[in-house]
N, C-alpha and C. Protein backbone atom coordinates (compact mmCIF):
# COMPACT_ATOMS: atom_id res chain seq x y z
N MET A 1 0.86 -1.17 0.00
CA MET A 1 0.00 0.00 0.00
C MET A 1 0.90 1.23 0.00
N GLN A 2 0.57 2.19 -0.83
CA GLN A 2 1.38 3.40 -0.92
C GLN A 2 1.13 4.32 0.26
N ILE A 3 2.12 5.16 0.55
CA ILE A 3 2.01 6.07 1.68
C ILE A 3 0.87 7.07 1.49
N THR A 4 0.61 7.47 0.26
CA THR A 4 -0.49 8.41 0.03
C THR A 4 -1.84 7.75 0.33
N SER A 5 -1.97 6.47 0.03
CA SER A 5 -3.19 5.74 0.36
C SER A 5 -3.35 5.61 1.86
N ILE A 6 -2.26 5.34 2.55
CA ILE A 6 -2.30 5.23 4.01
C ILE A 6 -2.70 6.57 4.62
N LEU A 7 -2.15 7.65 4.11
CA LEU A 7 -2.50 8.98 4.64
C LEU A 7 -3.97 9.31 4.36
N ALA A 8 -4.48 8.92 3.20
CA ALA A 8 -5.89 9.17 2.88
C ALA A 8 -6.80 8.38 3.81
N VAL A 9 -6.45 7.13 4.07
CA VAL A 9 -7.24 6.29 4.98
C VAL A 9 -7.17 6.88 6.39
N TYR A 10 -5.97 7.31 6.81
CA TYR A 10 -5.82 7.92 8.13
C TYR A 10 -6.68 9.17 8.26
N PHE A 11 -6.68 10.02 7.24
CA PHE A 11 -7.47 11.24 7.27
C PHE A 11 -8.95 10.92 7.39
N LEU A 12 -9.43 9.94 6.63
CA LEU A 12 -10.83 9.56 6.70
C LEU A 12 -11.20 9.02 8.08
N PHE A 13 -10.35 8.16 8.63
CA PHE A 13 -10.59 7.66 9.97
C PHE A 13 -10.56 8.79 11.00
N TRP A 14 -9.64 9.74 10.83
CA TRP A 14 -9.52 10.83 11.79
C TRP A 14 -10.76 11.71 11.78
N VAL A 15 -11.24 12.08 10.61
CA VAL A 15 -12.42 12.94 10.50
C VAL A 15 -13.64 12.22 11.06
N MET A 16 -13.81 10.96 10.69
CA MET A 16 -14.95 10.20 11.19
C MET A 16 -14.89 10.08 12.72
N THR A 17 -13.73 9.79 13.25
CA THR A 17 -13.58 9.64 14.69
C THR A 17 -13.81 10.97 15.41
N ALA A 18 -13.31 12.06 14.85
CA ALA A 18 -13.50 13.37 15.49
C ALA A 18 -14.98 13.71 15.58
N PHE A 19 -15.73 13.46 14.51
CA PHE A 19 -17.17 13.76 14.55
C PHE A 19 -17.92 12.84 15.50
N VAL A 20 -17.50 11.59 15.57
CA VAL A 20 -18.16 10.66 16.48
C VAL A 20 -17.87 11.04 17.94
N MET A 21 -16.68 11.54 18.21
CA MET A 21 -16.28 11.89 19.58
C MET A 21 -16.89 13.20 20.08
N LEU A 22 -17.40 14.05 19.21
CA LEU A 22 -17.91 15.36 19.62
C LEU A 22 -18.94 15.32 20.74
N PRO A 23 -19.94 14.47 20.71
CA PRO A 23 -20.95 14.55 21.77
C PRO A 23 -20.54 13.93 23.11
N PHE A 24 -19.45 13.19 23.16
CA PHE A 24 -19.07 12.51 24.40
C PHE A 24 -18.40 13.47 25.37
N GLY A 25 -18.87 13.47 26.60
CA GLY A 25 -18.26 14.28 27.65
C GLY A 25 -18.68 15.73 27.64
N VAL A 26 -19.62 16.11 26.82
CA VAL A 26 -20.07 17.50 26.75
C VAL A 26 -21.30 17.65 27.63
N ARG A 27 -21.30 18.70 28.43
CA ARG A 27 -22.43 18.96 29.33
C ARG A 27 -22.99 20.34 29.03
N THR A 28 -24.30 20.46 29.15
CA THR A 28 -24.95 21.76 28.95
C THR A 28 -24.92 22.54 30.26
N ALA A 29 -25.34 23.79 30.19
CA ALA A 29 -25.35 24.63 31.39
C ALA A 29 -26.31 24.08 32.43
N ASP A 30 -27.44 23.55 32.00
CA ASP A 30 -28.40 22.96 32.94
C ASP A 30 -27.82 21.74 33.63
N GLU A 31 -27.11 20.90 32.90
CA GLU A 31 -26.51 19.70 33.49
C GLU A 31 -25.38 20.05 34.44
N ALA A 32 -24.63 21.09 34.13
CA ALA A 32 -23.51 21.49 34.96
C ALA A 32 -23.93 22.38 36.13
N GLY A 33 -25.15 22.88 36.09
CA GLY A 33 -25.62 23.76 37.15
C GLY A 33 -25.02 25.15 37.08
N VAL A 34 -24.69 25.61 35.89
CA VAL A 34 -24.07 26.91 35.67
C VAL A 34 -25.11 27.84 35.07
N ALA A 35 -25.03 29.12 35.40
CA ALA A 35 -25.96 30.09 34.84
C ALA A 35 -25.68 30.27 33.35
N LYS A 36 -26.75 30.43 32.58
CA LYS A 36 -26.60 30.62 31.14
C LYS A 36 -26.28 32.08 30.83
N VAL A 37 -25.55 32.27 29.74
CA VAL A 37 -25.27 33.61 29.22
C VAL A 37 -26.50 34.05 28.43
N PRO A 38 -26.91 35.30 28.52
CA PRO A 38 -28.08 35.73 27.75
C PRO A 38 -27.89 35.46 26.25
N GLY A 39 -28.89 34.83 25.65
CA GLY A 39 -28.83 34.49 24.23
C GLY A 39 -28.22 33.14 23.95
N GLN A 40 -27.78 32.44 24.97
CA GLN A 40 -27.13 31.13 24.81
C GLN A 40 -28.18 30.07 24.49
N ALA A 41 -27.88 29.20 23.57
CA ALA A 41 -28.78 28.10 23.24
C ALA A 41 -28.81 27.11 24.40
N ASP A 42 -29.95 26.44 24.56
CA ASP A 42 -30.08 25.47 25.64
C ASP A 42 -29.10 24.30 25.49
N SER A 43 -28.75 23.99 24.26
CA SER A 43 -27.88 22.85 24.01
C SER A 43 -26.40 23.22 23.91
N ALA A 44 -26.05 24.47 24.16
CA ALA A 44 -24.66 24.90 24.04
C ALA A 44 -23.80 24.25 25.12
N PRO A 45 -22.63 23.73 24.76
CA PRO A 45 -21.79 23.07 25.75
C PRO A 45 -21.12 24.09 26.68
N VAL A 46 -20.92 23.66 27.92
CA VAL A 46 -20.26 24.51 28.90
C VAL A 46 -18.76 24.24 28.89
N ASN A 47 -18.39 23.00 28.77
CA ASN A 47 -16.99 22.61 28.93
C ASN A 47 -16.40 22.02 27.65
N PHE A 48 -16.64 22.63 26.52
CA PHE A 48 -16.11 22.11 25.25
C PHE A 48 -14.59 22.21 25.25
N GLN A 49 -13.92 21.08 25.03
CA GLN A 49 -12.46 21.02 25.04
C GLN A 49 -11.98 20.39 23.73
N PRO A 50 -11.71 21.24 22.73
CA PRO A 50 -11.33 20.68 21.42
C PRO A 50 -10.00 19.94 21.45
N LYS A 51 -9.07 20.33 22.31
CA LYS A 51 -7.78 19.62 22.36
C LYS A 51 -7.96 18.18 22.78
N LYS A 52 -8.85 17.93 23.71
CA LYS A 52 -9.10 16.57 24.16
C LYS A 52 -9.70 15.74 23.03
N ILE A 53 -10.60 16.33 22.27
CA ILE A 53 -11.20 15.63 21.13
C ILE A 53 -10.15 15.34 20.06
N LEU A 54 -9.28 16.31 19.80
CA LEU A 54 -8.23 16.12 18.79
C LEU A 54 -7.27 15.00 19.18
N VAL A 55 -6.90 14.96 20.45
CA VAL A 55 -5.98 13.91 20.92
C VAL A 55 -6.64 12.54 20.82
N ARG A 56 -7.89 12.46 21.29
CA ARG A 56 -8.60 11.18 21.22
C ARG A 56 -8.79 10.73 19.78
N ALA A 57 -9.17 11.65 18.91
CA ALA A 57 -9.37 11.30 17.50
C ALA A 57 -8.07 10.83 16.87
N THR A 58 -6.97 11.48 17.22
CA THR A 58 -5.67 11.10 16.67
C THR A 58 -5.28 9.70 17.12
N LEU A 59 -5.45 9.40 18.40
CA LEU A 59 -5.09 8.07 18.91
C LEU A 59 -5.97 6.98 18.29
N ILE A 60 -7.26 7.21 18.26
CA ILE A 60 -8.16 6.19 17.71
C ILE A 60 -7.94 6.01 16.22
N ALA A 61 -7.74 7.10 15.48
CA ALA A 61 -7.49 7.00 14.05
C ALA A 61 -6.17 6.28 13.76
N THR A 62 -5.18 6.49 14.61
CA THR A 62 -3.90 5.79 14.43
C THR A 62 -4.08 4.29 14.61
N VAL A 63 -4.81 3.89 15.63
CA VAL A 63 -5.06 2.46 15.87
C VAL A 63 -5.87 1.86 14.72
N LEU A 64 -6.93 2.54 14.31
CA LEU A 64 -7.76 2.02 13.22
C LEU A 64 -7.01 1.93 11.90
N THR A 65 -6.18 2.93 11.61
CA THR A 65 -5.40 2.90 10.38
C THR A 65 -4.38 1.77 10.42
N THR A 66 -3.76 1.57 11.56
CA THR A 66 -2.79 0.48 11.70
C THR A 66 -3.47 -0.86 11.47
N LEU A 67 -4.64 -1.06 12.08
CA LEU A 67 -5.38 -2.31 11.86
C LEU A 67 -5.79 -2.47 10.41
N PHE A 68 -6.21 -1.38 9.77
CA PHE A 68 -6.61 -1.44 8.36
C PHE A 68 -5.44 -1.84 7.47
N VAL A 69 -4.28 -1.21 7.67
CA VAL A 69 -3.11 -1.51 6.84
C VAL A 69 -2.63 -2.94 7.09
N LEU A 70 -2.62 -3.37 8.35
CA LEU A 70 -2.21 -4.75 8.63
C LEU A 70 -3.17 -5.75 8.01
N ASN A 71 -4.46 -5.47 8.07
CA ASN A 71 -5.43 -6.35 7.42
C ASN A 71 -5.23 -6.35 5.91
N PHE A 72 -4.91 -5.20 5.34
CA PHE A 72 -4.65 -5.12 3.90
C PHE A 72 -3.44 -5.96 3.53
N GLU A 73 -2.39 -5.90 4.34
CA GLU A 73 -1.16 -6.63 4.04
C GLU A 73 -1.30 -8.13 4.26
N TYR A 74 -1.95 -8.54 5.37
CA TYR A 74 -1.99 -9.95 5.73
C TYR A 74 -3.30 -10.64 5.36
N GLY A 75 -4.32 -9.88 5.00
CA GLY A 75 -5.58 -10.47 4.55
C GLY A 75 -6.34 -11.23 5.61
N TRP A 76 -6.40 -10.72 6.82
CA TRP A 76 -7.10 -11.40 7.90
C TRP A 76 -8.60 -11.52 7.61
N VAL A 77 -9.21 -10.41 7.19
CA VAL A 77 -10.64 -10.39 6.89
C VAL A 77 -10.80 -9.92 5.45
N GLY A 78 -11.42 -10.77 4.64
CA GLY A 78 -11.61 -10.43 3.23
C GLY A 78 -13.08 -10.31 2.89
N VAL A 79 -13.35 -10.09 1.62
CA VAL A 79 -14.72 -9.92 1.15
C VAL A 79 -15.52 -11.20 1.37
N ASP A 80 -14.89 -12.35 1.15
CA ASP A 80 -15.60 -13.62 1.32
C ASP A 80 -15.99 -13.86 2.78
N ASP A 81 -15.25 -13.30 3.71
CA ASP A 81 -15.55 -13.47 5.13
C ASP A 81 -16.77 -12.67 5.58
N ILE A 82 -17.07 -11.59 4.89
CA ILE A 82 -18.20 -10.76 5.30
C ILE A 82 -19.35 -10.78 4.31
N ASN A 83 -19.33 -11.73 3.39
CA ASN A 83 -20.40 -11.86 2.41
C ASN A 83 -21.55 -12.63 3.05
N PHE A 84 -22.56 -11.89 3.54
CA PHE A 84 -23.69 -12.50 4.22
C PHE A 84 -24.76 -12.99 3.24
N PHE A 85 -24.67 -12.54 2.00
CA PHE A 85 -25.66 -12.91 1.00
C PHE A 85 -24.94 -13.62 -0.14
N PRO A 86 -24.84 -14.94 -0.08
CA PRO A 86 -24.15 -15.65 -1.16
C PRO A 86 -24.92 -15.48 -2.47
N GLU A 87 -24.21 -15.72 -3.55
CA GLU A 87 -24.82 -15.55 -4.87
C GLU A 87 -25.98 -16.51 -5.05
N ARG A 88 -27.07 -15.97 -5.58
CA ARG A 88 -28.23 -16.79 -5.87
C ARG A 88 -28.04 -17.48 -7.21
N PRO A 89 -28.62 -18.65 -7.35
CA PRO A 89 -28.50 -19.31 -8.66
C PRO A 89 -29.25 -18.54 -9.73
N THR A 90 -28.73 -18.58 -10.94
CA THR A 90 -29.39 -17.90 -12.06
C THR A 90 -30.66 -18.64 -12.43
N ILE A 91 -31.46 -18.04 -13.27
CA ILE A 91 -32.71 -18.65 -13.71
C ILE A 91 -32.43 -19.94 -14.48
N ALA A 92 -31.38 -19.92 -15.30
CA ALA A 92 -31.03 -21.13 -16.07
C ALA A 92 -30.65 -22.28 -15.14
N GLU A 93 -29.96 -21.97 -14.05
CA GLU A 93 -29.59 -23.02 -13.09
C GLU A 93 -30.82 -23.51 -12.32
N GLN A 94 -31.78 -22.66 -12.09
CA GLN A 94 -32.97 -23.07 -11.35
C GLN A 94 -33.86 -23.98 -12.20
N VAL A 95 -33.90 -23.75 -13.51
CA VAL A 95 -34.74 -24.56 -14.39
C VAL A 95 -34.15 -25.96 -14.54
N ASN A 96 -32.85 -26.04 -14.63
CA ASN A 96 -32.20 -27.36 -14.84
C ASN A 96 -32.07 -28.05 -13.56
């Protein structure tokens, strides 16, 4: 696998992981018991920490990319292993 392909896979895993991690650990003003700022949305986070999300996304994306590349190289799980719908016989095979 080329390095550019690995970087593309890493970037995709990183973006997906970052978006999935966004809602975890975020508390609203009502949940934290803090007074709201005038004009603040009810769902606005009180303790948003983007550095923590970036670090977590980086670590998880690194692990996922490593597993993906190792699976690509060694072929642990292939298409045949996850094919839940085997090919149906054609009409000609059903008639005969």
